[in-house]
């Protein structure tokens, strides 16, 4: 007999490397799924961890394996502190995405640290994790994974747009769920804000003060990724190999770079979504707080832009990874071939017992 009510903790560490998003949530099933977010917070990375995580892409194999073990212990500290602080009881599972080091599905590779079996023993609870590898092994992109949650938990919106390190969209089309990465967001904006000694461009004010560089704008829009048909996904490798070298060819002020990048992002989002003729779009993720970016998205987009409360903005992905874990425990589909390009729908994720 399948349970109809679950209390889980969803755990997410994104490419912005600001901290670990933790979401204690209750899910109930009565023929359709319902959720409530009980407690959610971001546990910030200490500065040294933030810097180390930004450099994981360049680690050699043995060093990466050692770092994975160390990070798993560090991640457990974040989770244990969250459980103790809020005196959380009756937890069915901790459902964790881990932290992506590299993502190269075209080569059959994806790797998220923090998904070691040790995590279950360290937190003293059943753990569901490592959701991407099976999909890549089945010929898929291993991303994005949240669309199954968009379908079951946020299906009242025509489009779900997430603005994180990268932007990704999710929508129903001709009876199937479609989703893919559109373009980089904070993976680029935060990078250039950091060159000014800032963690991010607050509200997009620096970008707003800059001028559009038409030549850079055109060059960004000509990147070959944008010509690919979905399923498709992006990783930091693509940013470092293709985008950063392109931008470095332009000797212009950082504020102009940020302005041009923002215009490029809004343009790409509108370019991909307007042909769908959808009427409502829910936006979440850290980029939602960039009011200048949102204003430019509204300019380029025909659907009504809906901004939810801050809990959904910040913790929607952590919430959905909790949901992915429940589907894994129920042995139900949590990964859609229409989204990732895998050979078939499947139930992904490893289950570890304490």
Foldseek 3Di string as FASTA:
>chain_A
DADFKAWAWFWEQEPLQFFIKIWTKMWGDDPAIEIDTDDIDGDGDDPVVSVVLNPLLPDDDVVNVVVLVVVLLVVLVVVQCVCVVVVDPDHQEYQYAAYWNDFDLVVLDTDHGNQDLVSQVSNVHKYWYDFQNVQSVLVWRSDDQLQVVCVRYVVVFQKEWEQAQFIKIWHDDPRDIAMATQGGHCVPQQVLVVVVVDSGCQLLPLLVPAAEDVVLLVVVVPPCVLVDDDPDYDDVVCCVPPPVVSVVVDPDDSSNVSNSVLLSRLQRVLVVPAVVVGAEYEYAEPCVSNNVSVVSNVVSHDHHYDYDDNCCRHCVVSVSSRVLRSCLVVQHFSAQCNYTVGPGTGRGTDIHHD
